[in-house]
Amino acid sequence: MIVSFIGFLLAFTLIGLSSMWKSRGTRHDYYIASGAIKPWLVGLSAVATNNSGYMFIGVIGYTYVTGLASIWLMFGWISGDFLASTFVHARLRAATSRSDEFSYAGVLSNWYGGNNGALQRLIGIISLVFLLAYASAQLVAGSKALHVLFDWPAWAGAAMGTVLVTLYCFAGGIRASIWTDAAQSIIMIFAMGLLLAVAVGALGGMDSALVQMQMVPGLLDWFPRDLALPGLAGGVLFAISWMFAGLSVIGQPHIMIRFMALDDNTKMRRARIWYYLWFLAFYSMATGVGMLSRIYLADTGSFDAELALPTMALELLPPALVGLILAGIFAATMSTADSLVLSCSAAITHDLFPHRIKRTVLVKLVTVVITLGALGLALINSQSVFSLVIMAWSALASAFAPLLIVLCLGYQPSQRLSILAVVFGLAVALFWRYLGWHSAIYEGLPGICAGLLLLMSLPVRRSISSRLSNARVNTSSVQQFKAEPRLLERP
């Protein structure tokens, strides 16, 4: 099994390293792949980065504990993600071309041009802090899988991941991460489907599996037991709160950078089709595996639920396939960690010190330092992967999603108001979590709503023509501009 794991992991690594032949040696290519990524690569990479260790370790563990009621999270998350993508992704890609920026903070701060350095630095600082915590969670996820299957020390997986992330960064930057994402997406959807089919077969078929699920108290309940409101009302509130978790994807720099790297904005629909087809199929199968794992791994008192997937694979599959699944999980978590580290690097070299760190060699050295910082956090981390990812996810969304939404709607808030909204949304989300209310309602809901309310309650200029006067516009952006209705100043 170890030989199989190392072999498949080496194959994934070589795919990422081969991207060096496409590298152009510029910061623009290092962080955004020169805006030349095909739609299918964008879709598969974005969905793999969205899920990665969170899906393989966190969601399956959450389903193990919660049971069928976890589907509310799935429905809410995907619907919120879809609603946000219908009006944000293409506009963000167009703004990337107009602004000639290659960081998420740079595009948001220079959407209409002008001098918004303070806003860009603030977004860069917030991105650095929470993406670093997010990256450490990915290293923890990889370590947990290796620990349960190979009985390796808890630090071994994180250390190995650090080496892989460093190799990806020196090879091709974001392109190495995207290529690896796409490869592991294809392998993992096959492996998850196989594990689900084998598990059902081992239980004697679907009917027998359902009978055994009914014997586990609460496993087939439609609503979680710890809701703020009982019954249907609580379930709807739970789903709505997680819909905001799905909408929160637009506040994640490491995911949105993939859509910003699309080679042609007119192909955004194609990229989204790839993204949502994979998302629906894989999330459904992961939920099924999580529920079946509750039957096979019934010792809920001492068992770590976040180890359900690797433990299930170990019990049901031959060693070669276990190695394949583990290599896919590990490659997914590491390529996501790489994306997070690259976004942190962009926050430092482009957003915080834009005129001091321009040489590619220095950019890569900064990336290595950040990777070591993520390793340090992973080694001292005591939180679950699910909890840490959700905290970082909600904080980033509460800070950035409201501003991005109003920009996509055509509003032009001042730098001072934008900074206030970013800080206010983030503060509300963190305070909500501090009070412990996140156990009932996802903290991103009040955080995003607070930022939006602030931005929309004050007089904000609504303008489209200023986009052309303050930014360089390519042909596709001009065509999109002409297709939009002209908006007037908001009274």
Protein backbone atom coordinates (compact mmCIF):
# COMPACT_ATOMS: atom_id res chain seq x y z
CA MET A 1 0.00 0.00 0.00
CA ILE A 2 2.85 2.38 0.81
CA VAL A 3 4.46 1.61 -2.53
CA SER A 4 1.18 2.33 -4.31
CA PHE A 5 0.74 5.58 -2.40
CA ILE A 6 4.24 6.79 -3.20
CA GLY A 7 3.89 5.79 -6.85
CA PHE A 8 0.59 7.63 -7.40
CA LEU A 9 1.76 10.62 -5.38
CA LEU A 10 4.89 10.80 -7.51
CA ALA A 11 2.70 10.77 -10.63
CA PHE A 12 0.60 13.69 -9.32
CA THR A 13 3.76 15.55 -8.36
CA LEU A 14 5.30 15.09 -11.81
CA ILE A 15 2.13 16.47 -13.41
CA GLY A 16 2.52 19.61 -11.33
CA LEU A 17 6.25 19.89 -11.97
CA SER A 18 5.77 19.50 -15.73
CA SER A 19 4.08 22.91 -15.71
CA MET A 20 7.54 24.46 -15.52
CA TRP A 21 7.81 23.99 -19.29
CA LYS A 22 4.93 26.43 -19.71
CA SER A 23 6.27 28.97 -17.24
CA ARG A 24 7.09 32.41 -18.63
CA GLY A 25 9.13 33.47 -15.64
CA THR A 26 7.02 36.52 -14.75
CA ARG A 27 5.00 37.42 -11.66
CA HIS A 28 1.88 37.61 -13.81
CA ASP A 29 2.45 34.03 -14.98
CA TYR A 30 3.43 32.84 -11.51
CA TYR A 31 0.27 34.10 -9.82
CA ILE A 32 -2.37 33.96 -12.58
CA ALA A 33 -0.86 31.74 -15.32
CA SER A 34 -0.90 34.70 -17.74
CA GLY A 35 -4.71 34.38 -17.99
CA ALA A 36 -4.36 31.41 -20.32
CA ILE A 37 -6.13 28.49 -18.58
CA LYS A 38 -8.72 26.45 -20.51
CA PRO A 39 -12.33 26.22 -19.21
CA TRP A 40 -12.20 22.53 -18.25
CA LEU A 41 -9.01 23.10 -16.28
CA VAL A 42 -10.53 26.13 -14.56
CA GLY A 43 -13.67 24.19 -13.59
CA LEU A 44 -11.94 21.06 -12.29
CA SER A 45 -9.24 23.01 -10.49
CA ALA A 46 -11.69 25.43 -8.85
CA VAL A 47 -13.94 22.70 -7.52
CA ALA A 48 -10.99 20.63 -6.29
CA THR A 49 -9.57 23.67 -4.50
CA ASN A 50 -13.01 24.46 -3.07
CA ASN A 51 -13.26 20.98 -1.53
CA SER A 52 -9.87 19.26 -1.08
CA GLY A 53 -9.18 18.34 2.56
CA TYR A 54 -12.45 19.92 3.63
CA MET A 55 -14.45 17.48 1.51
CA PHE A 56 -12.34 14.35 1.97
CA ILE A 57 -11.73 14.77 5.69
CA GLY A 58 -14.10 17.43 7.04
CA VAL A 59 -17.43 16.83 5.26
CA ILE A 60 -17.28 13.04 5.46
CA GLY A 61 -16.47 13.35 9.15
CA TYR A 62 -19.37 15.78 9.62
CA THR A 63 -21.73 13.36 7.85
CA TYR A 64 -20.48 10.53 10.05
CA VAL A 65 -21.57 12.52 13.10
CA THR A 66 -24.71 14.21 11.73
CA GLY A 67 -26.10 11.63 9.31
CA LEU A 68 -28.62 12.34 6.54
CA ALA A 69 -29.24 15.85 7.89
CA SER A 70 -25.87 16.85 6.45
CA ILE A 71 -27.52 17.08 3.01
CA TRP A 72 -28.92 20.45 4.08
CA LEU A 73 -25.35 21.64 4.11
CA MET A 74 -24.81 20.22 0.62
CA PHE A 75 -27.97 21.76 -0.85
CA GLY A 76 -27.33 25.10 0.80
CA TRP A 77 -23.66 25.24 -0.13
CA ILE A 78 -24.07 24.37 -3.81
CA SER A 79 -27.12 26.61 -4.34
CA GLY A 80 -25.37 29.58 -2.73
CA ASP A 81 -22.25 28.95 -4.77
CA PHE A 82 -24.32 28.76 -7.97
CA LEU A 83 -26.27 31.95 -7.28
CA ALA A 84 -23.06 33.88 -6.64
CA SER A 85 -21.36 32.58 -9.75
CA THR A 86 -24.17 33.67 -12.07
CA PHE A 87 -23.29 37.33 -11.73
CA VAL A 88 -19.82 37.51 -10.17
CA HIS A 89 -17.39 35.25 -12.01
CA ALA A 90 -17.56 36.75 -15.49
CA ARG A 91 -17.48 40.31 -14.14
CA LEU A 92 -14.47 39.52 -11.97
CA ARG A 93 -12.64 38.02 -14.96
CA ALA A 94 -13.42 41.12 -17.04
CA ALA A 95 -12.20 43.40 -14.25
CA THR A 96 -8.97 41.41 -14.08
CA SER A 97 -8.29 42.17 -17.74
CA ARG A 98 -9.17 45.85 -17.39
CA SER A 99 -7.09 46.45 -14.29
CA ASP A 100 -4.12 44.37 -15.46
CA GLU A 101 -3.82 43.12 -11.87
CA PHE A 102 -2.94 39.56 -10.87
CA SER A 103 -4.00 39.41 -7.23
CA TYR A 104 -7.50 39.24 -5.81
CA ALA A 105 -6.87 42.28 -3.62
CA GLY A 106 -5.45 44.19 -6.57
CA VAL A 107 -8.53 43.63 -8.72
CA LEU A 108 -11.02 44.56 -5.99
CA SER A 109 -9.05 47.68 -5.09
CA ASN A 110 -8.57 48.83 -8.68
CA TRP A 111 -11.94 47.84 -10.12
CA TYR A 112 -12.48 51.41 -11.31
CA GLY A 113 -8.84 52.50 -11.25
CA GLY A 114 -7.70 55.33 -9.03
CA ASN A 115 -5.45 55.26 -5.98
CA ASN A 116 -6.81 52.71 -3.50
CA GLY A 117 -3.56 51.52 -1.96
CA ALA A 118 -4.89 51.51 1.60
CA LEU A 119 -7.79 49.22 0.62
CA GLN A 120 -5.46 46.89 -1.26
CA ARG A 121 -3.12 46.61 1.71
CA LEU A 122 -6.01 45.91 4.09
CA ILE A 123 -7.37 43.14 1.86
CA GLY A 124 -3.83 41.79 1.55
CA ILE A 125 -3.33 41.67 5.33
CA ILE A 126 -6.66 39.93 5.98
CA SER A 127 -5.98 37.46 3.16
CA LEU A 128 -2.54 36.69 4.55
CA VAL A 129 -3.78 35.95 8.08
CA PHE A 130 -6.74 33.73 7.27
CA LEU A 131 -5.32 32.01 4.20
CA LEU A 132 -2.29 31.04 6.26
CA ALA A 133 -4.60 29.44 8.84
CA TYR A 134 -6.49 27.76 5.99
CA ALA A 135 -3.23 26.40 4.52
CA SER A 136 -2.25 24.92 7.88
CA ALA A 137 -5.62 23.10 7.96
CA GLN A 138 -4.80 21.47 4.62
CA LEU A 139 -1.48 20.22 5.97
CA VAL A 140 -3.30 18.85 9.02
CA ALA A 141 -5.81 17.05 6.77
CA GLY A 142 -3.02 15.35 4.85
CA SER A 143 -1.24 14.38 8.07
CA LYS A 144 -4.38 12.79 9.54
CA ALA A 145 -4.83 10.54 6.53
CA LEU A 146 -1.21 9.35 6.60
CA HIS A 147 -1.33 8.84 10.35
CA VAL A 148 -4.34 6.53 10.33
CA LEU A 149 -3.23 4.42 7.36
CA PHE A 150 0.52 4.18 7.82
CA ASP A 151 0.79 5.01 11.52
CA TRP A 152 3.30 7.73 10.62
CA PRO A 153 3.96 10.47 13.18
CA ALA A 154 1.43 13.30 13.13
CA TRP A 155 4.06 15.73 11.82
CA ALA A 156 5.22 13.54 8.91
CA GLY A 157 2.38 14.35 6.50
CA ALA A 158 2.65 18.08 7.15
CA ALA A 159 6.40 17.99 6.55
CA MET A 160 5.98 16.01 3.32
CA GLY A 161 3.29 18.43 2.22
CA THR A 162 5.59 21.35 2.83
CA VAL A 163 8.16 19.80 0.49
CA LEU A 164 5.52 19.26 -2.22
CA VAL A 165 4.15 22.79 -1.91
CA THR A 166 7.69 24.16 -2.23
CA LEU A 167 8.27 22.08 -5.37
CA TYR A 168 5.01 23.28 -6.92
CA CYS A 169 5.86 26.88 -6.15
CA PHE A 170 9.29 26.68 -7.72
CA ALA A 171 8.01 24.77 -10.75
CA GLY A 172 5.12 26.72 -12.17
CA GLY A 173 3.27 28.61 -9.46
CA ILE A 174 -0.49 28.59 -9.88
CA ARG A 175 -0.28 26.57 -13.11
CA ALA A 176 1.33 23.64 -11.25
CA SER A 177 -1.49 23.73 -8.73
CA ILE A 178 -4.18 23.87 -11.43
CA TRP A 179 -2.74 20.94 -13.38
CA THR A 180 -2.46 18.80 -10.25
CA ASP A 181 -5.99 19.74 -9.22
CA ALA A 182 -7.40 18.60 -12.55
CA ALA A 183 -5.59 15.25 -12.43
CA GLN A 184 -6.64 14.43 -8.88
CA SER A 185 -10.24 15.54 -9.61
CA ILE A 186 -10.55 12.90 -12.30
CA ILE A 187 -8.95 10.19 -10.17
CA MET A 188 -10.85 11.01 -7.00
CA ILE A 189 -14.33 11.03 -8.50
CA PHE A 190 -13.58 7.55 -9.83
CA ALA A 191 -12.16 6.41 -6.48
CA MET A 192 -15.05 7.84 -4.44
CA GLY A 193 -17.59 6.18 -6.71
CA LEU A 194 -15.75 2.88 -6.40
CA LEU A 195 -15.60 3.12 -2.60
CA LEU A 196 -19.33 3.88 -2.44
CA ALA A 197 -20.20 0.91 -4.67
CA VAL A 198 -17.96 -1.49 -2.75
CA ALA A 199 -19.39 -0.33 0.60
CA VAL A 200 -22.97 -0.83 -0.56
CA GLY A 201 -22.10 -4.25 -1.97
CA ALA A 202 -20.40 -5.31 1.25
CA LEU A 203 -23.63 -4.51 3.12
CA GLY A 204 -25.67 -6.75 0.83
CA GLY A 205 -27.09 -4.08 -1.47
CA MET A 206 -28.89 -0.78 -1.09
CA ASP A 207 -31.96 -2.20 0.66
CA SER A 208 -29.86 -3.94 3.28
CA ALA A 209 -27.75 -0.80 3.75
CA LEU A 210 -30.86 1.28 4.40
CA VAL A 211 -32.14 -1.23 6.96
CA GLN A 212 -28.84 -1.05 8.84
CA MET A 213 -28.86 2.75 8.69
CA GLN A 214 -32.30 2.77 10.28
CA MET A 215 -30.89 0.87 13.21
CA VAL A 216 -28.46 3.72 14.01
CA PRO A 217 -30.33 6.32 16.14
CA GLY A 218 -30.66 9.65 14.36
CA LEU A 219 -28.69 8.65 11.26
CA LEU A 220 -31.68 9.07 8.92
CA ASP A 221 -33.19 12.10 10.63
CA TRP A 222 -33.90 14.93 8.19
CA PHE A 223 -32.80 17.70 10.54
CA PRO A 224 -29.80 18.05 12.87
CA ARG A 225 -30.68 17.71 16.52
CA ASP A 226 -28.89 20.85 17.74
CA LEU A 227 -30.74 23.39 15.59
CA ALA A 228 -31.73 26.81 16.89
CA LEU A 229 -35.35 26.02 15.90
CA PRO A 230 -36.92 22.55 15.82
CA GLY A 231 -38.30 20.78 12.77
CA LEU A 232 -38.75 22.24 9.30
CA ALA A 233 -38.18 25.84 10.38
CA GLY A 234 -34.84 24.92 11.86
CA GLY A 235 -33.89 22.91 8.78
CA VAL A 236 -34.71 25.80 6.46
CA LEU A 237 -32.73 28.23 8.61
CA PHE A 238 -29.83 25.77 8.65
CA ALA A 239 -29.91 25.45 4.85
CA ILE A 240 -30.11 29.23 4.36
CA SER A 241 -27.13 29.79 6.61
CA TRP A 242 -25.13 27.24 4.60
CA MET A 243 -26.33 28.83 1.39
CA PHE A 244 -24.32 31.81 2.55
CA ALA A 245 -21.40 29.43 3.07
CA GLY A 246 -21.68 28.52 -0.61
CA LEU A 247 -22.03 32.15 -1.61
CA SER A 248 -18.88 32.75 0.41
CA VAL A 249 -16.79 31.17 -2.35
CA ILE A 250 -16.58 34.58 -4.03
CA GLY A 251 -14.66 35.82 -1.00
CA GLN A 252 -11.94 33.15 -1.31
CA PRO A 253 -8.91 34.53 -3.20
CA HIS A 254 -7.36 31.10 -3.83
CA ILE A 255 -10.52 29.88 -5.62
CA MET A 256 -11.48 33.02 -7.49
CA ILE A 257 -7.96 33.33 -8.90
CA ARG A 258 -8.77 30.27 -11.03
CA PHE A 259 -11.68 32.02 -12.72
CA MET A 260 -9.51 35.13 -13.06
CA ALA A 261 -6.99 32.96 -14.97
CA LEU A 262 -9.53 31.81 -17.60
CA ASP A 263 -8.21 32.33 -21.13
CA ASP A 264 -11.41 33.92 -22.48
CA ASN A 265 -14.23 35.53 -20.52
CA THR A 266 -16.78 34.33 -23.09
CA LYS A 267 -15.98 30.75 -21.99
CA MET A 268 -16.99 31.30 -18.37
CA ARG A 269 -20.23 29.33 -18.79
CA ARG A 270 -18.26 26.33 -20.00
CA ALA A 271 -15.97 26.53 -16.97
CA ARG A 272 -18.99 26.69 -14.64
CA ILE A 273 -20.55 23.60 -16.26
CA TRP A 274 -17.41 21.59 -15.54
CA TYR A 275 -17.36 22.98 -12.02
CA TYR A 276 -20.95 22.18 -11.01
CA LEU A 277 -21.22 18.77 -12.65
CA TRP A 278 -18.20 17.57 -10.70
CA PHE A 279 -19.33 19.32 -7.53
CA LEU A 280 -22.79 17.71 -7.49
CA ALA A 281 -21.53 14.22 -8.32
CA PHE A 282 -18.67 14.18 -5.86
CA TYR A 283 -20.51 15.83 -2.96
CA SER A 284 -23.38 13.34 -3.29
CA MET A 285 -21.02 10.37 -3.24
CA ALA A 286 -19.02 11.81 -0.33
CA THR A 287 -22.24 12.16 1.67
CA GLY A 288 -23.12 8.55 0.93
CA VAL A 289 -19.68 7.34 2.01
CA GLY A 290 -19.96 9.39 5.20
CA MET A 291 -23.26 7.74 6.13
CA LEU A 292 -22.05 4.24 5.33
CA SER A 293 -18.93 4.81 7.40
CA ARG A 294 -21.18 5.20 10.47
CA ILE A 295 -22.22 1.56 10.05
CA TYR A 296 -18.73 0.20 9.53
CA LEU A 297 -17.04 2.39 12.13
CA ALA A 298 -19.56 2.42 14.94
CA ASP A 299 -17.26 3.25 17.86
CA THR A 300 -18.35 6.89 18.05
CA GLY A 301 -16.94 7.33 21.54
CA SER A 302 -13.23 7.08 20.69
CA PHE A 303 -13.13 7.27 16.89
CA ASP A 304 -12.02 10.52 15.20
CA ALA A 305 -14.81 11.14 12.67
CA GLU A 306 -12.44 13.01 10.35
CA LEU A 307 -10.57 9.75 9.74
CA ALA A 308 -13.68 8.02 8.34
CA LEU A 309 -12.68 8.08 4.66
CA PRO A 310 -9.15 6.67 4.95
CA THR A 311 -10.30 4.09 7.49
CA MET A 312 -13.17 2.97 5.22
CA ALA A 313 -10.78 2.66 2.30
CA LEU A 314 -8.40 0.59 4.41
CA GLU A 315 -11.15 -1.86 5.40
CA LEU A 316 -12.89 -2.25 2.03
CA LEU A 317 -10.38 -1.81 -0.78
CA PRO A 318 -7.24 -3.65 -1.91
CA PRO A 319 -3.92 -2.00 -1.01
CA ALA A 320 -3.28 -0.59 -4.49
CA LEU A 321 -6.59 1.29 -4.53
CA VAL A 322 -6.11 2.46 -0.96
CA GLY A 323 -2.81 3.92 -2.08
CA LEU A 324 -4.56 5.61 -5.00
CA ILE A 325 -7.22 7.18 -2.78
CA LEU A 326 -4.71 8.32 -0.22
CA ALA A 327 -2.44 9.78 -2.90
CA GLY A 328 -5.43 11.60 -4.38
CA ILE A 329 -6.45 13.00 -0.99
CA PHE A 330 -2.93 14.05 -0.19
CA ALA A 331 -2.34 15.61 -3.61
CA ALA A 332 -5.65 17.48 -3.33
CA THR A 333 -4.88 18.92 0.06
CA MET A 334 -1.35 19.88 -0.97
CA SER A 335 -2.37 21.54 -4.24
CA THR A 336 -4.96 23.53 -2.29
CA ALA A 337 -2.35 24.40 0.30
CA ASP A 338 -0.14 25.52 -2.57
CA SER A 339 -2.91 27.79 -3.88
CA LEU A 340 -3.39 29.28 -0.43
CA VAL A 341 0.33 29.85 0.00
CA LEU A 342 0.54 31.51 -3.42
CA SER A 343 -2.32 33.83 -2.49
CA CYS A 344 -0.46 34.69 0.73
CA SER A 345 2.67 35.33 -1.30
CA ALA A 346 0.75 37.63 -3.65
CA ALA A 347 -0.63 39.48 -0.63
CA ILE A 348 2.92 40.23 0.52
CA THR A 349 4.79 40.80 -2.74
CA HIS A 350 2.05 42.55 -4.70
CA ASP A 351 -0.38 44.05 -2.19
CA LEU A 352 1.75 44.97 0.83
CA PHE A 353 5.14 45.63 -0.83
CA PRO A 354 4.34 46.13 -4.52
CA HIS A 355 7.47 48.13 -5.39
CA ARG A 356 10.03 46.18 -3.37
CA ILE A 357 9.60 42.54 -4.39
CA LYS A 358 9.41 42.14 -8.15
CA ARG A 359 12.07 39.60 -9.05
CA THR A 360 10.65 36.11 -9.50
CA VAL A 361 13.40 34.58 -7.37
CA LEU A 362 12.49 36.81 -4.43
CA VAL A 363 8.80 36.05 -4.95
CA LYS A 364 9.54 32.33 -4.71
CA LEU A 365 11.64 32.80 -1.59
CA VAL A 366 8.76 34.66 0.06
CA THR A 367 6.53 31.75 -0.89
CA VAL A 368 8.88 29.28 0.82
CA VAL A 369 8.89 31.37 4.02
CA ILE A 370 5.08 31.40 4.03
CA THR A 371 5.02 27.63 3.49
CA LEU A 372 7.22 27.15 6.55
CA GLY A 373 4.87 29.41 8.50
CA ALA A 374 1.91 27.22 7.50
CA LEU A 375 3.87 24.16 8.61
CA GLY A 376 4.51 25.73 12.00
CA LEU A 377 0.81 26.46 12.48
CA ALA A 378 -0.10 22.92 11.41
CA LEU A 379 2.24 21.39 13.99
CA ILE A 380 0.65 23.33 16.85
CA ASN A 381 -2.93 23.14 15.57
CA SER A 382 -5.47 21.67 18.00
CA GLN A 383 -8.70 22.38 16.06
CA SER A 384 -10.50 20.07 13.66
CA VAL A 385 -10.00 20.57 9.95
CA PHE A 386 -13.70 21.30 9.53
CA SER A 387 -13.74 23.96 12.25
CA LEU A 388 -10.56 25.70 11.11
CA VAL A 389 -11.58 25.78 7.44
CA ILE A 390 -15.05 27.14 8.22
CA MET A 391 -13.58 29.87 10.44
CA ALA A 392 -11.16 31.03 7.73
CA TRP A 393 -13.81 30.63 5.03
CA SER A 394 -16.41 32.74 6.85
CA ALA A 395 -13.90 35.44 7.81
CA LEU A 396 -12.67 35.91 4.24
CA ALA A 397 -16.22 35.89 2.87
CA SER A 398 -17.53 38.38 5.43
CA ALA A 399 -14.67 40.75 4.68
CA PHE A 400 -14.60 40.56 0.85
CA ALA A 401 -17.89 39.21 -0.54
CA PRO A 402 -20.01 42.33 0.22
CA LEU A 403 -17.54 44.61 -1.55
CA LEU A 404 -17.26 42.30 -4.56
CA ILE A 405 -21.04 42.01 -4.84
CA VAL A 406 -21.64 45.77 -4.92
CA LEU A 407 -18.82 46.21 -7.43
CA CYS A 408 -20.40 43.60 -9.70
CA LEU A 409 -23.75 45.39 -9.34
CA GLY A 410 -22.14 48.53 -10.73
CA TYR A 411 -21.70 50.54 -7.54
CA GLN A 412 -18.55 52.55 -6.88
CA PRO A 413 -18.02 52.91 -3.12
CA SER A 414 -15.29 55.21 -1.90
CA GLN A 415 -12.08 53.76 -0.50
CA ARG A 416 -13.05 54.84 3.02
CA LEU A 417 -16.48 53.21 2.81
CA SER A 418 -14.98 50.05 1.29
CA ILE A 419 -12.47 49.77 4.13
CA LEU A 420 -15.23 50.30 6.69
CA ALA A 421 -17.39 47.59 5.11
CA VAL A 422 -14.49 45.10 5.00
CA VAL A 423 -13.67 45.65 8.67
CA PHE A 424 -17.31 45.68 9.79
CA GLY A 425 -18.26 42.45 8.01
CA LEU A 426 -15.20 40.67 9.37
CA ALA A 427 -15.80 41.93 12.92
CA VAL A 428 -19.43 40.80 12.94
CA ALA A 429 -18.47 37.29 11.77
CA LEU A 430 -15.69 36.91 14.34
CA PHE A 431 -17.88 38.25 17.16
CA TRP A 432 -20.68 35.88 16.16
CA ARG A 433 -18.25 32.98 16.38
CA TYR A 434 -16.83 34.23 19.69
CA LEU A 435 -20.33 34.15 21.20
CA GLY A 436 -20.76 30.55 20.04
CA TRP A 437 -23.74 31.31 17.83
CA HIS A 438 -22.04 29.73 14.81
CA SER A 439 -23.23 26.33 16.04
CA ALA A 440 -26.77 27.40 15.15
CA ILE A 441 -26.21 29.79 12.22
CA TYR A 442 -23.12 29.97 10.02
CA GLU A 443 -21.29 33.16 10.97
CA GLY A 444 -20.82 34.20 7.35
CA LEU A 445 -24.54 34.98 7.08
CA PRO A 446 -24.54 37.89 9.57
CA GLY A 447 -21.05 38.93 8.44
CA ILE A 448 -21.95 39.22 4.75
CA CYS A 449 -25.31 40.83 5.50
CA ALA A 450 -23.64 43.39 7.78
CA GLY A 451 -21.16 44.42 5.11
CA LEU A 452 -23.84 44.62 2.42
CA LEU A 453 -26.16 46.62 4.66
CA LEU A 454 -23.44 49.14 5.36
CA LEU A 455 -22.49 49.52 1.70
CA MET A 456 -26.07 49.83 0.48
CA SER A 457 -27.39 52.07 3.25
CA LEU A 458 -25.04 54.96 2.51
CA PRO A 459 -24.99 57.07 -0.68
CA VAL A 460 -22.79 55.24 -3.18
CA ARG A 461 -22.00 56.32 -6.72
CA ARG A 462 -23.26 53.88 -9.32
CA SER A 463 -21.20 54.16 -12.46
CA ILE A 464 -20.07 52.13 -15.43
CA SER A 465 -18.54 54.74 -17.70
CA SER A 466 -15.72 55.35 -15.21
CA ARG A 467 -14.51 51.83 -15.88
CA LEU A 468 -13.37 52.89 -19.33
CA SER A 469 -11.80 56.17 -18.31
CA ASN A 470 -9.78 54.73 -15.41
CA ALA A 471 -8.73 51.33 -16.68
CA ARG A 472 -7.28 49.66 -19.74
CA VAL A 473 -9.96 47.62 -21.44
CA ASN A 474 -9.53 44.67 -23.73
CA THR A 475 -11.89 43.74 -26.54
CA SER A 476 -13.97 41.26 -24.56
CA SER A 477 -14.43 43.78 -21.75
CA VAL A 478 -15.63 46.44 -24.20
CA GLN A 479 -18.16 44.04 -25.65
CA GLN A 480 -19.45 43.21 -22.18
CA PHE A 481 -19.63 46.90 -21.32
CA LYS A 482 -21.70 47.66 -24.40
CA ALA A 483 -24.08 44.86 -23.54
CA GLU A 484 -24.82 46.24 -20.08
CA PRO A 485 -27.56 48.83 -19.52
CA ARG A 486 -26.33 52.30 -18.69
CA LEU A 487 -26.91 53.16 -15.03
CA LEU A 488 -27.47 56.57 -13.53
CA GLU A 489 -26.10 58.13 -10.42
CA ARG A 490 -27.80 56.80 -7.31
CA PRO A 491 -29.54 59.64 -5.42
